[in-house]
C-alpha atoms as a PDB file:
ATOM      1  CA  MET A   1      13.533  -0.580 -23.497  1.00  0.00           C
ATOM      2  CA  ASN A   2      16.068   0.166 -20.772  1.00  0.00           C
ATOM      3  CA  GLN A   3      14.478   1.657 -17.600  1.00  0.00           C
ATOM      4  CA  PRO A   4      15.897   2.100 -14.135  1.00  0.00           C
ATOM      5  CA  HIS A   5      14.757  -0.753 -11.907  1.00  0.00           C
ATOM      6  CA  ASP A   6      12.826   1.534  -9.575  1.00  0.00           C
ATOM      7  CA  ILE A   7      10.519   2.652 -12.409  1.00  0.00           C
ATOM      8  CA  THR A   8       9.972  -0.952 -13.537  1.00  0.00           C
ATOM      9  CA  ALA A   9       9.290  -2.008  -9.961  1.00  0.00           C
ATOM     10  CA  GLY A  10       6.838   0.890  -9.470  1.00  0.00           C
ATOM     11  CA  ARG A  11       4.946  -0.147 -12.618  1.00  0.00           C
ATOM     12  CA  LEU A  12       4.857  -3.704 -11.504  1.00  0.00           C
ATOM     13  CA  MET A  13       3.378  -2.811  -8.117  1.00  0.00           C
ATOM     14  CA  SER A  14       0.900  -0.416  -9.768  1.00  0.00           C
ATOM     15  CA  TYR A  15      -0.333  -3.280 -11.983  1.00  0.00           C
ATOM     16  CA  ALA A  16      -0.438  -5.688  -9.057  1.00  0.00           C
ATOM     17  CA  GLY A  17      -2.376  -3.080  -7.065  1.00  0.00           C
ATOM     18  CA  LEU A  18      -4.929  -2.626  -9.834  1.00  0.00           C
ATOM     19  CA  ARG A  19      -5.321  -6.387 -10.088  1.00  0.00           C
ATOM     20  CA  TYR A  20      -5.355  -7.321  -6.378  1.00  0.00           C
ATOM     21  CA  TYR A  21      -6.262  -4.321  -4.210  1.00  0.00           C
ATOM     22  CA  GLN A  22      -9.995  -4.750  -4.844  1.00  0.00           C
ATOM     23  CA  ASN A  23     -10.260  -7.397  -2.120  1.00  0.00           C
ATOM     24  CA  THR A  24      -7.461  -7.380   0.415  1.00  0.00           C
ATOM     25  CA  THR A  25      -9.722  -9.126   2.970  1.00  0.00           C
ATOM     26  CA  ASP A  26      -8.970 -12.280   0.908  1.00  0.00           C
ATOM     27  CA  SER A  27      -5.952 -13.677   2.750  1.00  0.00           C
ATOM     28  CA  GLU A  28      -4.334 -15.089  -0.416  1.00  0.00           C
ATOM     29  CA  ARG A  29      -4.519 -11.700  -2.165  1.00  0.00           C
ATOM     30  CA  ALA A  30      -3.246  -9.880   0.907  1.00  0.00           C
ATOM     31  CA  LYS A  31      -0.331 -12.309   1.192  1.00  0.00           C
ATOM     32  CA  PHE A  32       0.461 -11.895  -2.513  1.00  0.00           C
ATOM     33  CA  MET A  33       0.524  -8.130  -2.127  1.00  0.00           C
ATOM     34  CA  ALA A  34       2.655  -8.281   1.023  1.00  0.00           C
ATOM     35  CA  ASP A  35       5.163 -10.675  -0.581  1.00  0.00           C
ATOM     36  CA  ALA A  36       5.315  -8.664  -3.815  1.00  0.00           C
ATOM     37  CA  GLN A  37       5.748  -5.411  -1.889  1.00  0.00           C
ATOM     38  CA  GLU A  38       8.534  -6.854   0.188  1.00  0.00           C
ATOM     39  CA  ARG A  39      10.383  -8.130  -2.883  1.00  0.00           C
ATOM     40  CA  VAL A  40      10.018  -4.735  -4.605  1.00  0.00           C
ATOM     41  CA  THR A  41      11.260  -2.969  -1.478  1.00  0.00           C
ATOM     42  CA  VAL A  42      14.319  -5.195  -1.310  1.00  0.00           C
ATOM     43  CA  ALA A  43      15.031  -4.728  -4.995  1.00  0.00           C
ATOM     44  CA  THR A  44      14.618  -0.930  -4.958  1.00  0.00           C
ATOM     45  CA  THR A  45      16.511  -0.144  -1.745  1.00  0.00           C
ATOM     46  CA  PRO A  46      17.604   2.553  -0.834  1.00  0.00           C
ATOM     47  CA  LEU A  47      14.444   4.209  -2.180  1.00  0.00           C
ATOM     48  CA  VAL A  48      12.098   6.049   0.148  1.00  0.00           C
ATOM     49  CA  PHE A  49       9.067   3.840   0.696  1.00  0.00           C
ATOM     50  CA  PHE A  50       5.618   4.497   1.978  1.00  0.00           C
ATOM     51  CA  SER A  51       2.384   2.570   1.872  1.00  0.00           C
ATOM     52  CA  LEU A  52      -1.221   3.578   2.481  1.00  0.00           C
ATOM     53  CA  GLU A  53      -2.804   0.114   2.260  1.00  0.00           C
ATOM     54  CA  ILE A  54      -4.616  -1.006   5.401  1.00  0.00           C
ATOM     55  CA  ASN A  55      -6.011  -4.481   5.855  1.00  0.00           C
ATOM     56  CA  ARG A  56      -8.555  -5.624   8.340  1.00  0.00           C
ATOM     57  CA  ILE A  57      -7.453  -8.963   9.790  1.00  0.00           C
ATOM     58  CA  ASP A  58      -9.681 -11.097  12.066  1.00  0.00           C
ATOM     59  CA  ASP A  59      -8.091 -11.327  15.505  1.00  0.00           C
ATOM     60  CA  ALA A  60     -10.109 -12.901  18.337  1.00  0.00           C
ATOM     61  CA  SER A  61      -7.641 -11.574  20.915  1.00  0.00           C
ATOM     62  CA  LYS A  62      -8.686  -7.974  20.130  1.00  0.00           C
ATOM     63  CA  LYS A  63     -11.740  -6.371  21.760  1.00  0.00           C
ATOM     64  CA  ARG A  64     -13.234  -5.398  18.409  1.00  0.00           C
ATOM     65  CA  GLY A  65     -12.476  -8.811  16.866  1.00  0.00           C
ATOM     66  CA  TYR A  66      -9.944  -7.588  14.324  1.00  0.00           C
ATOM     67  CA  ARG A  67      -6.699  -5.644  13.949  1.00  0.00           C
ATOM     68  CA  LEU A  68      -5.435  -3.271  11.322  1.00  0.00           C
ATOM     69  CA  SER A  69      -2.281  -4.090   9.412  1.00  0.00           C
ATOM     70  CA  GLY A  70      -0.366  -2.655   6.534  1.00  0.00           C
ATOM     71  CA  ASP A  71       0.610  -4.684   3.486  1.00  0.00           C
ATOM     72  CA  VAL A  72       4.323  -4.578   4.308  1.00  0.00           C
ATOM     73  CA  ALA A  73       6.285  -6.514   6.958  1.00  0.00           C
ATOM     74  CA  TYR A  74       7.370  -3.234   8.537  1.00  0.00           C
ATOM     75  CA  ASP A  75       9.872  -4.583  11.043  1.00  0.00           C
ATOM     76  CA  GLU A  76      11.559  -6.705   8.366  1.00  0.00           C
ATOM     77  CA  VAL A  77      11.790  -3.933   5.750  1.00  0.00           C
ATOM     78  CA  ALA A  78      12.417  -0.793   7.848  1.00  0.00           C
ATOM     79  CA  SER A  79      16.155  -1.333   8.193  1.00  0.00           C
ATOM     80  CA  LYS A  80      16.469  -1.683   4.430  1.00  0.00           C
ATOM     81  CA  CYS A  81      14.814   1.659   3.633  1.00  0.00           C
ATOM     82  CA  ARG A  82      16.065   5.199   3.802  1.00  0.00           C
ATOM     83  CA  ALA A  83      12.634   6.225   5.089  1.00  0.00           C
ATOM     84  CA  ILE A  84       9.368   4.305   5.652  1.00  0.00           C
ATOM     85  CA  THR A  85       5.959   5.125   7.074  1.00  0.00           C
ATOM     86  CA  PRO A  86       4.199   2.691   9.422  1.00  0.00           C
ATOM     87  CA  VAL A  87       0.689   1.498   8.577  1.00  0.00           C
ATOM     88  CA  PRO A  88      -1.552   2.142  10.356  1.00  0.00           C
ATOM     89  CA  GLY A  89      -0.348   5.358  11.880  1.00  0.00           C
ATOM     90  CA  GLY A  90       1.996   6.786   9.236  1.00  0.00           C
ATOM     91  CA  VAL A  91      -0.492   8.859   7.299  1.00  0.00           C
ATOM     92  CA  GLY A  92      -0.772  12.453   8.392  1.00  0.00           C
ATOM     93  CA  PRO A  93      -3.487  15.101   7.937  1.00  0.00           C
ATOM     94  CA  MET A  94      -1.970  16.365   4.629  1.00  0.00           C
ATOM     95  CA  THR A  95      -2.109  12.914   3.039  1.00  0.00           C
ATOM     96  CA  ILE A  96      -5.655  12.416   4.239  1.00  0.00           C
ATOM     97  CA  ALA A  97      -6.656  15.817   2.868  1.00  0.00           C
ATOM     98  CA  MET A  98      -5.138  15.054  -0.557  1.00  0.00           C
ATOM     99  CA  LEU A  99      -6.793  11.604  -0.651  1.00  0.00           C
ATOM    100  CA  MET A 100     -10.160  13.201   0.114  1.00  0.00           C
ATOM    101  CA  THR A 101      -9.560  15.904  -2.504  1.00  0.00           C
ATOM    102  CA  ASN A 102      -8.712  13.311  -5.139  1.00  0.00           C
ATOM    103  CA  THR A 103     -11.742  11.239  -4.120  1.00  0.00           C
ATOM    104  CA  VAL A 104     -14.037  14.232  -4.643  1.00  0.00           C
ATOM    105  CA  LYS A 105     -12.409  15.042  -7.970  1.00  0.00           C
ATOM    106  CA  ALA A 106     -12.813  11.451  -9.128  1.00  0.00           C
ATOM    107  CA  ALA A 107     -16.504  11.482  -8.089  1.00  0.00           C
ATOM    108  CA  GLU A 108     -17.055  14.747  -9.975  1.00  0.00           C
ATOM    109  CA  LEU A 109     -15.401  13.420 -13.103  1.00  0.00           C
ATOM    110  CA  ARG A 110     -17.469  10.236 -12.888  1.00  0.00           C
ATOM    111  CA  LEU A 111     -20.698  12.212 -12.545  1.00  0.00           C
ATOM    112  CA  LYS A 112     -19.726  14.271 -15.568  1.00  0.00           C
ATOM    113  CA  GLY A 113     -19.138  11.099 -17.545  1.00  0.00           C
ATOM    114  CA  GLY A 114     -15.343  11.394 -17.488  1.00  0.00           C
END
């Protein structure tokens, strides 16, 4: 099967996400996802890239005891992308609305036995 590399890379990250997104508070899993995402980004440049993954990382220097971080080394990858959204902070109201819509649909399907 001969597929464009961006499709193969997308499938790879989808599989990795299904396998590893369940627990991104585990530092090894979070590191795996960040490393994999960076490699995929490098391989698929100049694709447009965005990420919604947010990780909570313990940080004693912060008032609340943690900081939020995306799963991509933003500063390292930004120059290699045509467009990129920062995490946290890159998700707008439309994305949030669609995520909530899909969450409600998924819950309704699950309640119906779907």
